[in-house]
Amino acid sequence: MKKLFLPIAIVAMGIFASCSQKETVKNESNDSCKAAIDSVMATLDKTVETPEEAIARLKEGNARYVAETPVFPHHDHKRLAETAPHQAPFAAVVACSDSRVPVELIFDQGIGDIFVIRTAGNNVNNDAVMGSVDYAIEHLGVKTVVVLGHESCGGVTGAIGDVKADDESKIDELLSMIQADVKPYVGKADSLDAAIKLNAATQVKRINDRELVKKFVEAGKTQVVGAYYNVHDGSVVFE
């Protein structure tokens, strides 16, 4: 089944592009648009069985977002009713708190699809965040955990710039944690992108090094990966 995801997405993307043109007004064209959307929606309603399928679904959703042809799945009251008794997300995303990184939107997913964990600098080096990751893997059964770094991350910018906050602020503690993970780039403002990617990779390793996570990864039940979001064009590149 997973091999069908990408071809379906590619065909649908081509049809979506034509659907987005203002001059498309003929009934048969509208029927084609509806058929394409229905095809994608049917795929999105299927249960994700493997880590590979989970990552493929995120990639396809981001491709739709970048192409400005999102289908906005699982946003209606029917979905509210379906998810009210319980949640069963197929992926967890550890993202930065940055307001420019709206996780569900950039992956074109909806209610109940992604378990989102957000912290400034997408840093997992504390019990609350790591406990949330464990919960997603062990109790919710997510098929992938994505650590999502992003372009122009303020947390990493402050860390490599050795920014100091007010004495009563907790910002220094946060920046110190990030700084420890990007040591090679401290004091090198022109290496921001490299530092952001190293920061995400370090969080991936930190998660993968946990015994509980190893157990699920080795059993093929989940996969932990890093990714980078471009705030200018909306694209996500998986590492």
C-alpha atoms as a PDB file:
ATOM      1  CA  MET A   1       0.000   0.000   0.000  1.00  0.00           C
ATOM      2  CA  LYS A   2       2.752   2.471   0.877  1.00  0.00           C
ATOM      3  CA  LYS A   3       4.136   2.300  -2.667  1.00  0.00           C
ATOM      4  CA  LEU A   4       0.815   3.675  -3.933  1.00  0.00           C
ATOM      5  CA  PHE A   5       0.923   6.810  -1.757  1.00  0.00           C
ATOM      6  CA  LEU A   6       3.431   8.778  -3.815  1.00  0.00           C
ATOM      7  CA  PRO A   7       2.015   8.011  -7.286  1.00  0.00           C
ATOM      8  CA  ILE A   8      -1.467   8.952  -6.063  1.00  0.00           C
ATOM      9  CA  ALA A   9      -0.115  12.179  -4.620  1.00  0.00           C
ATOM     10  CA  ILE A  10       1.752  13.061  -7.827  1.00  0.00           C
ATOM     11  CA  VAL A  11      -1.302  12.504 -10.020  1.00  0.00           C
ATOM     12  CA  ALA A  12      -3.545  14.394  -7.622  1.00  0.00           C
ATOM     13  CA  MET A  13      -1.102  17.298  -7.384  1.00  0.00           C
ATOM     14  CA  GLY A  14      -1.260  17.766 -11.140  1.00  0.00           C
ATOM     15  CA  ILE A  15      -5.033  17.823 -11.093  1.00  0.00           C
ATOM     16  CA  PHE A  16      -5.079  20.137  -8.047  1.00  0.00           C
ATOM     17  CA  ALA A  17      -2.897  22.585  -9.932  1.00  0.00           C
ATOM     18  CA  SER A  18      -5.449  22.774 -12.709  1.00  0.00           C
ATOM     19  CA  CYS A  19      -8.245  23.041 -10.149  1.00  0.00           C
ATOM     20  CA  SER A  20      -6.630  26.125  -8.679  1.00  0.00           C
ATOM     21  CA  GLN A  21      -6.837  28.071 -11.937  1.00  0.00           C
ATOM     22  CA  LYS A  22      -9.659  30.613 -11.932  1.00  0.00           C
ATOM     23  CA  GLU A  23     -10.637  29.788 -15.491  1.00  0.00           C
ATOM     24  CA  THR A  24     -11.536  26.207 -14.561  1.00  0.00           C
ATOM     25  CA  VAL A  25     -15.312  26.418 -14.580  1.00  0.00           C
ATOM     26  CA  LYS A  26     -16.554  23.555 -16.731  1.00  0.00           C
ATOM     27  CA  ASN A  27     -18.488  20.818 -14.970  1.00  0.00           C
ATOM     28  CA  GLU A  28     -16.219  18.043 -16.195  1.00  0.00           C
ATOM     29  CA  SER A  29     -13.168  19.895 -14.882  1.00  0.00           C
ATOM     30  CA  ASN A  30     -14.876  20.387 -11.548  1.00  0.00           C
ATOM     31  CA  ASP A  31     -15.718  16.692 -11.503  1.00  0.00           C
ATOM     32  CA  SER A  32     -12.044  15.885 -12.081  1.00  0.00           C
ATOM     33  CA  CYS A  33     -11.076  18.165  -9.217  1.00  0.00           C
ATOM     34  CA  LYS A  34     -13.545  16.512  -6.885  1.00  0.00           C
ATOM     35  CA  ALA A  35     -12.390  13.054  -7.932  1.00  0.00           C
ATOM     36  CA  ALA A  36      -8.763  13.971  -7.234  1.00  0.00           C
ATOM     37  CA  ILE A  37      -9.583  15.389  -3.825  1.00  0.00           C
ATOM     38  CA  ASP A  38     -11.763  12.394  -2.966  1.00  0.00           C
ATOM     39  CA  SER A  39      -8.903  10.078  -3.945  1.00  0.00           C
ATOM     40  CA  VAL A  40      -6.462  11.830  -1.622  1.00  0.00           C
ATOM     41  CA  MET A  41      -9.005  12.009   1.191  1.00  0.00           C
ATOM     42  CA  ALA A  42      -9.667   8.278   0.882  1.00  0.00           C
ATOM     43  CA  THR A  43      -5.938   7.639   1.250  1.00  0.00           C
ATOM     44  CA  LEU A  44      -5.739   9.914   4.293  1.00  0.00           C
ATOM     45  CA  ASP A  45      -8.585   8.036   5.960  1.00  0.00           C
ATOM     46  CA  LYS A  46      -6.617   4.782   5.855  1.00  0.00           C
ATOM     47  CA  THR A  47      -4.716   3.658   8.934  1.00  0.00           C
ATOM     48  CA  VAL A  48      -0.960   4.224   8.792  1.00  0.00           C
ATOM     49  CA  GLU A  49       0.703   0.881   9.467  1.00  0.00           C
ATOM     50  CA  THR A  50       4.452   1.561   9.271  1.00  0.00           C
ATOM     51  CA  PRO A  51       7.021   4.294   9.935  1.00  0.00           C
ATOM     52  CA  GLU A  52       7.652   4.528   6.197  1.00  0.00           C
ATOM     53  CA  GLU A  53       3.983   5.172   5.497  1.00  0.00           C
ATOM     54  CA  ALA A  54       3.866   7.817   8.236  1.00  0.00           C
ATOM     55  CA  ILE A  55       6.804   9.745   6.805  1.00  0.00           C
ATOM     56  CA  ALA A  56       5.411   9.409   3.275  1.00  0.00           C
ATOM     57  CA  ARG A  57       2.103  10.889   4.434  1.00  0.00           C
ATOM     58  CA  LEU A  58       3.861  13.862   6.015  1.00  0.00           C
ATOM     59  CA  LYS A  59       5.943  14.436   2.875  1.00  0.00           C
ATOM     60  CA  GLU A  60       2.889  14.290   0.634  1.00  0.00           C
ATOM     61  CA  GLY A  61       0.994  16.701   2.865  1.00  0.00           C
ATOM     62  CA  ASN A  62       3.870  19.154   2.815  1.00  0.00           C
ATOM     63  CA  ALA A  63       4.066  18.881  -0.976  1.00  0.00           C
ATOM     64  CA  ARG A  64       0.401  19.870  -1.168  1.00  0.00           C
ATOM     65  CA  TYR A  65       1.013  22.780   1.200  1.00  0.00           C
ATOM     66  CA  VAL A  66       3.983  24.074  -0.789  1.00  0.00           C
ATOM     67  CA  ALA A  67       2.034  23.778  -4.050  1.00  0.00           C
ATOM     68  CA  GLU A  68      -0.859  25.702  -2.458  1.00  0.00           C
ATOM     69  CA  THR A  69      -3.191  22.762  -3.096  1.00  0.00           C
ATOM     70  CA  PRO A  70      -4.013  21.561   0.432  1.00  0.00           C
ATOM     71  CA  VAL A  71      -7.078  19.387   1.004  1.00  0.00           C
ATOM     72  CA  PHE A  72      -7.485  20.417   4.675  1.00  0.00           C
ATOM     73  CA  PRO A  73      -8.359  16.895   5.845  1.00  0.00           C
ATOM     74  CA  HIS A  74     -10.101  15.990   9.080  1.00  0.00           C
ATOM     75  CA  HIS A  75     -11.210  19.525   9.984  1.00  0.00           C
ATOM     76  CA  ASP A  76     -14.981  19.042  10.202  1.00  0.00           C
ATOM     77  CA  HIS A  77     -17.455  18.176  12.951  1.00  0.00           C
ATOM     78  CA  LYS A  78     -17.528  14.564  11.797  1.00  0.00           C
ATOM     79  CA  ARG A  79     -13.838  14.374  12.710  1.00  0.00           C
ATOM     80  CA  LEU A  80     -14.555  16.018  16.066  1.00  0.00           C
ATOM     81  CA  ALA A  81     -17.070  13.276  16.815  1.00  0.00           C
ATOM     82  CA  GLU A  82     -14.648  10.556  15.698  1.00  0.00           C
ATOM     83  CA  THR A  83     -11.790  11.777  17.866  1.00  0.00           C
ATOM     84  CA  ALA A  84     -13.716  12.913  20.945  1.00  0.00           C
ATOM     85  CA  PRO A  85     -13.575   9.462  22.650  1.00  0.00           C
ATOM     86  CA  HIS A  86      -9.870   8.888  21.981  1.00  0.00           C
ATOM     87  CA  GLN A  87      -6.897   9.963  19.881  1.00  0.00           C
ATOM     88  CA  ALA A  88      -4.810   7.860  17.510  1.00  0.00           C
ATOM     89  CA  PRO A  89      -2.282  10.148  15.780  1.00  0.00           C
ATOM     90  CA  PHE A  90       0.009   8.507  13.247  1.00  0.00           C
ATOM     91  CA  ALA A  91       2.949  10.833  13.952  1.00  0.00           C
ATOM     92  CA  ALA A  92       4.462  12.974  16.680  1.00  0.00           C
ATOM     93  CA  VAL A  93       6.296  16.173  15.809  1.00  0.00           C
ATOM     94  CA  VAL A  94       8.677  17.884  18.218  1.00  0.00           C
ATOM     95  CA  ALA A  95       8.653  21.426  16.893  1.00  0.00           C
ATOM     96  CA  CYS A  96       9.759  24.876  17.941  1.00  0.00           C
ATOM     97  CA  SER A  97       7.198  27.151  19.591  1.00  0.00           C
ATOM     98  CA  ASP A  98       7.815  29.687  16.817  1.00  0.00           C
ATOM     99  CA  SER A  99       4.493  31.055  15.541  1.00  0.00           C
ATOM    100  CA  ARG A 100       5.713  30.673  11.948  1.00  0.00           C
ATOM    101  CA  VAL A 101       5.753  26.882  12.232  1.00  0.00           C
ATOM    102  CA  PRO A 102       2.086  25.749  12.280  1.00  0.00           C
ATOM    103  CA  VAL A 103       2.679  22.007  12.263  1.00  0.00           C
ATOM    104  CA  GLU A 104      -0.706  20.683  11.117  1.00  0.00           C
ATOM    105  CA  LEU A 105      -0.925  23.281   8.363  1.00  0.00           C
ATOM    106  CA  ILE A 106       2.506  22.705   6.832  1.00  0.00           C
ATOM    107  CA  PHE A 107       1.863  18.950   6.671  1.00  0.00           C
ATOM    108  CA  ASP A 108      -1.765  19.409   5.520  1.00  0.00           C
ATOM    109  CA  GLN A 109      -3.129  17.267   8.338  1.00  0.00           C
ATOM    110  CA  GLY A 110      -6.104  17.706  10.632  1.00  0.00           C
ATOM    111  CA  ILE A 111      -7.638  16.947  13.997  1.00  0.00           C
ATOM    112  CA  GLY A 112      -6.200  13.815  15.580  1.00  0.00           C
ATOM    113  CA  ASP A 113      -3.482  13.246  12.967  1.00  0.00           C
ATOM    114  CA  ILE A 114      -0.364  14.616  14.687  1.00  0.00           C
ATOM    115  CA  PHE A 115       0.682  14.682  18.343  1.00  0.00           C
ATOM    116  CA  VAL A 116       2.513  18.007  18.548  1.00  0.00           C
ATOM    117  CA  ILE A 117       5.133  18.803  21.197  1.00  0.00           C
ATOM    118  CA  ARG A 118       6.378  22.387  21.058  1.00  0.00           C
ATOM    119  CA  THR A 119       9.182  24.073  22.929  1.00  0.00           C
ATOM    120  CA  ALA A 120      11.451  26.990  22.057  1.00  0.00           C
ATOM    121  CA  GLY A 121      14.319  25.583  20.020  1.00  0.00           C
ATOM    122  CA  ASN A 122      12.619  22.148  19.774  1.00  0.00           C
ATOM    123  CA  ASN A 123      14.812  21.037  22.670  1.00  0.00           C
ATOM    124  CA  VAL A 124      13.892  17.737  24.356  1.00  0.00           C
ATOM    125  CA  ASN A 125      16.399  17.903  27.201  1.00  0.00           C
ATOM    126  CA  ASN A 126      13.886  17.957  30.042  1.00  0.00           C
ATOM    127  CA  ASP A 127      11.529  15.443  31.609  1.00  0.00           C
ATOM    128  CA  ALA A 128       8.299  17.120  30.512  1.00  0.00           C
ATOM    129  CA  VAL A 129       9.208  17.024  26.833  1.00  0.00           C
ATOM    130  CA  MET A 130      10.805  13.583  26.903  1.00  0.00           C
ATOM    131  CA  GLY A 131       7.851  12.245  28.857  1.00  0.00           C
ATOM    132  CA  SER A 132       5.578  13.565  26.121  1.00  0.00           C
ATOM    133  CA  VAL A 133       7.667  11.752  23.507  1.00  0.00           C
ATOM    134  CA  ASP A 134       7.469   8.525  25.523  1.00  0.00           C
ATOM    135  CA  TYR A 135       3.704   8.925  25.815  1.00  0.00           C
ATOM    136  CA  ALA A 136       3.347   9.390  22.064  1.00  0.00           C
ATOM    137  CA  ILE A 137       5.379   6.275  21.314  1.00  0.00           C
ATOM    138  CA  GLU A 138       4.310   3.921  24.080  1.00  0.00           C
ATOM    139  CA  HIS A 139       0.658   4.826  24.623  1.00  0.00           C
ATOM    140  CA  LEU A 140      -0.475   6.456  21.386  1.00  0.00           C
ATOM    141  CA  GLY A 141       1.533   4.211  19.086  1.00  0.00           C
ATOM    142  CA  VAL A 142       2.796   6.907  16.718  1.00  0.00           C
ATOM    143  CA  LYS A 143       4.682   5.462  13.762  1.00  0.00           C
ATOM    144  CA  THR A 144       7.215   8.260  13.593  1.00  0.00           C
ATOM    145  CA  VAL A 145       8.628  11.044  15.743  1.00  0.00           C
ATOM    146  CA  VAL A 146       9.885  14.011  13.740  1.00  0.00           C
ATOM    147  CA  VAL A 147      12.166  16.598  15.336  1.00  0.00           C
ATOM    148  CA  LEU A 148      11.441  19.669  13.241  1.00  0.00           C
ATOM    149  CA  GLY A 149      14.066  22.392  13.179  1.00  0.00           C
ATOM    150  CA  HIS A 150      13.328  25.513  11.193  1.00  0.00           C
ATOM    151  CA  GLU A 151      14.995  28.347   9.353  1.00  0.00           C
ATOM    152  CA  SER A 152      15.681  31.506  11.411  1.00  0.00           C
ATOM    153  CA  CYS A 153      15.119  29.740  14.741  1.00  0.00           C
ATOM    154  CA  GLY A 154      15.324  32.378  17.479  1.00  0.00           C
ATOM    155  CA  GLY A 155      16.408  29.909  20.141  1.00  0.00           C
ATOM    156  CA  VAL A 156      19.400  28.701  18.162  1.00  0.00           C
ATOM    157  CA  THR A 157      20.174  32.258  17.032  1.00  0.00           C
ATOM    158  CA  GLY A 158      20.361  33.358  20.655  1.00  0.00           C
ATOM    159  CA  ALA A 159      22.428  30.328  21.639  1.00  0.00           C
ATOM    160  CA  ILE A 160      25.159  30.745  19.038  1.00  0.00           C
ATOM    161  CA  GLY A 161      25.135  34.513  19.577  1.00  0.00           C
ATOM    162  CA  ASP A 162      25.617  33.987  23.325  1.00  0.00           C
ATOM    163  CA  VAL A 163      22.676  36.277  24.104  1.00  0.00           C
ATOM    164  CA  LYS A 164      22.122  37.121  27.780  1.00  0.00           C
ATOM    165  CA  ALA A 165      18.674  37.750  29.266  1.00  0.00           C
ATOM    166  CA  ASP A 166      17.518  39.526  32.420  1.00  0.00           C
ATOM    167  CA  ASP A 167      18.668  37.972  35.683  1.00  0.00           C
ATOM    168  CA  GLU A 168      15.142  36.884  36.640  1.00  0.00           C
ATOM    169  CA  SER A 169      14.433  35.282  33.272  1.00  0.00           C
ATOM    170  CA  LYS A 170      14.573  31.568  32.503  1.00  0.00           C
ATOM    171  CA  ILE A 171      15.687  32.337  28.954  1.00  0.00           C
ATOM    172  CA  ASP A 172      19.368  31.955  29.846  1.00  0.00           C
ATOM    173  CA  GLU A 173      18.734  28.401  31.052  1.00  0.00           C
ATOM    174  CA  LEU A 174      17.007  27.560  27.780  1.00  0.00           C
ATOM    175  CA  LEU A 175      19.764  29.105  25.672  1.00  0.00           C
ATOM    176  CA  SER A 176      22.408  27.285  27.712  1.00  0.00           C
ATOM    177  CA  MET A 177      20.747  23.947  26.933  1.00  0.00           C
ATOM    178  CA  ILE A 178      20.650  24.726  23.229  1.00  0.00           C
ATOM    179  CA  GLN A 179      24.177  26.118  23.313  1.00  0.00           C
ATOM    180  CA  ALA A 180      25.489  22.855  24.735  1.00  0.00           C
ATOM    181  CA  ASP A 181      24.041  21.041  21.723  1.00  0.00           C
ATOM    182  CA  VAL A 182      25.534  23.365  19.099  1.00  0.00           C
ATOM    183  CA  LYS A 183      28.976  24.026  20.591  1.00  0.00           C
ATOM    184  CA  PRO A 184      30.876  23.988  17.265  1.00  0.00           C
ATOM    185  CA  TYR A 185      28.850  26.988  16.072  1.00  0.00           C
ATOM    186  CA  VAL A 186      28.792  29.228  19.152  1.00  0.00           C
ATOM    187  CA  GLY A 187      30.058  32.652  18.128  1.00  0.00           C
ATOM    188  CA  LYS A 188      29.540  31.888  14.432  1.00  0.00           C
ATOM    189  CA  ALA A 189      26.412  33.768  13.389  1.00  0.00           C
ATOM    190  CA  ASP A 190      26.997  32.930   9.714  1.00  0.00           C
ATOM    191  CA  SER A 191      26.579  29.226  10.543  1.00  0.00           C
ATOM    192  CA  LEU A 192      22.991  29.509  11.774  1.00  0.00           C
ATOM    193  CA  ASP A 193      21.482  26.948   9.385  1.00  0.00           C
ATOM    194  CA  ALA A 194      24.175  24.409  10.234  1.00  0.00           C
ATOM    195  CA  ALA A 195      23.585  25.009  13.941  1.00  0.00           C
ATOM    196  CA  ILE A 196      19.821  24.578  13.538  1.00  0.00           C
ATOM    197  CA  LYS A 197      20.312  21.258  11.756  1.00  0.00           C
ATOM    198  CA  LEU A 198      22.845  20.072  14.341  1.00  0.00           C
ATOM    199  CA  ASN A 199      20.433  21.012  17.108  1.00  0.00           C
ATOM    200  CA  ALA A 200      17.665  18.915  15.549  1.00  0.00           C
ATOM    201  CA  ALA A 201      20.040  15.995  14.936  1.00  0.00           C
ATOM    202  CA  THR A 202      21.157  16.128  18.567  1.00  0.00           C
ATOM    203  CA  GLN A 203      17.553  15.904  19.765  1.00  0.00           C
ATOM    204  CA  VAL A 204      16.972  12.934  17.447  1.00  0.00           C
ATOM    205  CA  LYS A 205      19.982  11.168  18.966  1.00  0.00           C
ATOM    206  CA  ARG A 206      18.850  12.054  22.476  1.00  0.00           C
ATOM    207  CA  ILE A 207      15.469  10.453  21.817  1.00  0.00           C
ATOM    208  CA  ASN A 208      16.916   7.412  20.041  1.00  0.00           C
ATOM    209  CA  ASP A 209      19.343   6.753  22.901  1.00  0.00           C
ATOM    210  CA  ARG A 210      16.503   6.048  25.329  1.00  0.00           C
ATOM    211  CA  GLU A 211      15.977   2.356  26.070  1.00  0.00           C
ATOM    212  CA  LEU A 212      12.203   2.584  25.705  1.00  0.00           C
ATOM    213  CA  VAL A 213      12.543   4.189  22.295  1.00  0.00           C
ATOM    214  CA  LYS A 214      15.168   1.675  21.173  1.00  0.00           C
ATOM    215  CA  LYS A 215      12.734  -1.126  21.938  1.00  0.00           C
ATOM    216  CA  PHE A 216      10.047   0.328  19.694  1.00  0.00           C
ATOM    217  CA  VAL A 217      12.463   1.295  16.914  1.00  0.00           C
ATOM    218  CA  GLU A 218      14.102  -2.139  16.845  1.00  0.00           C
ATOM    219  CA  ALA A 219      10.663  -3.751  16.649  1.00  0.00           C
ATOM    220  CA  GLY A 220       9.889  -1.623  13.594  1.00  0.00           C
ATOM    221  CA  LYS A 221       7.022   0.111  15.386  1.00  0.00           C
ATOM    222  CA  THR A 222       8.344   3.656  15.108  1.00  0.00           C
ATOM    223  CA  GLN A 223      11.170   5.739  13.679  1.00  0.00           C
ATOM    224  CA  VAL A 224      12.738   8.972  14.929  1.00  0.00           C
ATOM    225  CA  VAL A 225      13.917  11.402  12.248  1.00  0.00           C
ATOM    226  CA  GLY A 226      15.006  15.003  11.882  1.00  0.00           C
ATOM    227  CA  ALA A 227      13.640  17.565   9.441  1.00  0.00           C
ATOM    228  CA  TYR A 228      14.149  21.211   8.474  1.00  0.00           C
ATOM    229  CA  TYR A 229      11.368  23.690   7.695  1.00  0.00           C
ATOM    230  CA  ASN A 230      11.945  26.645   5.380  1.00  0.00           C
ATOM    231  CA  VAL A 231       9.897  29.617   6.613  1.00  0.00           C
ATOM    232  CA  HIS A 232      10.178  31.331   3.219  1.00  0.00           C
ATOM    233  CA  ASP A 233       8.712  28.678   0.927  1.00  0.00           C
ATOM    234  CA  GLY A 234       7.006  26.313   3.380  1.00  0.00           C
ATOM    235  CA  SER A 235       9.005  23.246   2.391  1.00  0.00           C
ATOM    236  CA  VAL A 236      10.162  20.541   4.787  1.00  0.00           C
ATOM    237  CA  VAL A 237      13.307  18.545   4.044  1.00  0.00           C
ATOM    238  CA  PHE A 238      13.712  15.291   5.943  1.00  0.00           C
ATOM    239  CA  GLU A 239      17.238  14.420   7.010  1.00  0.00           C
END
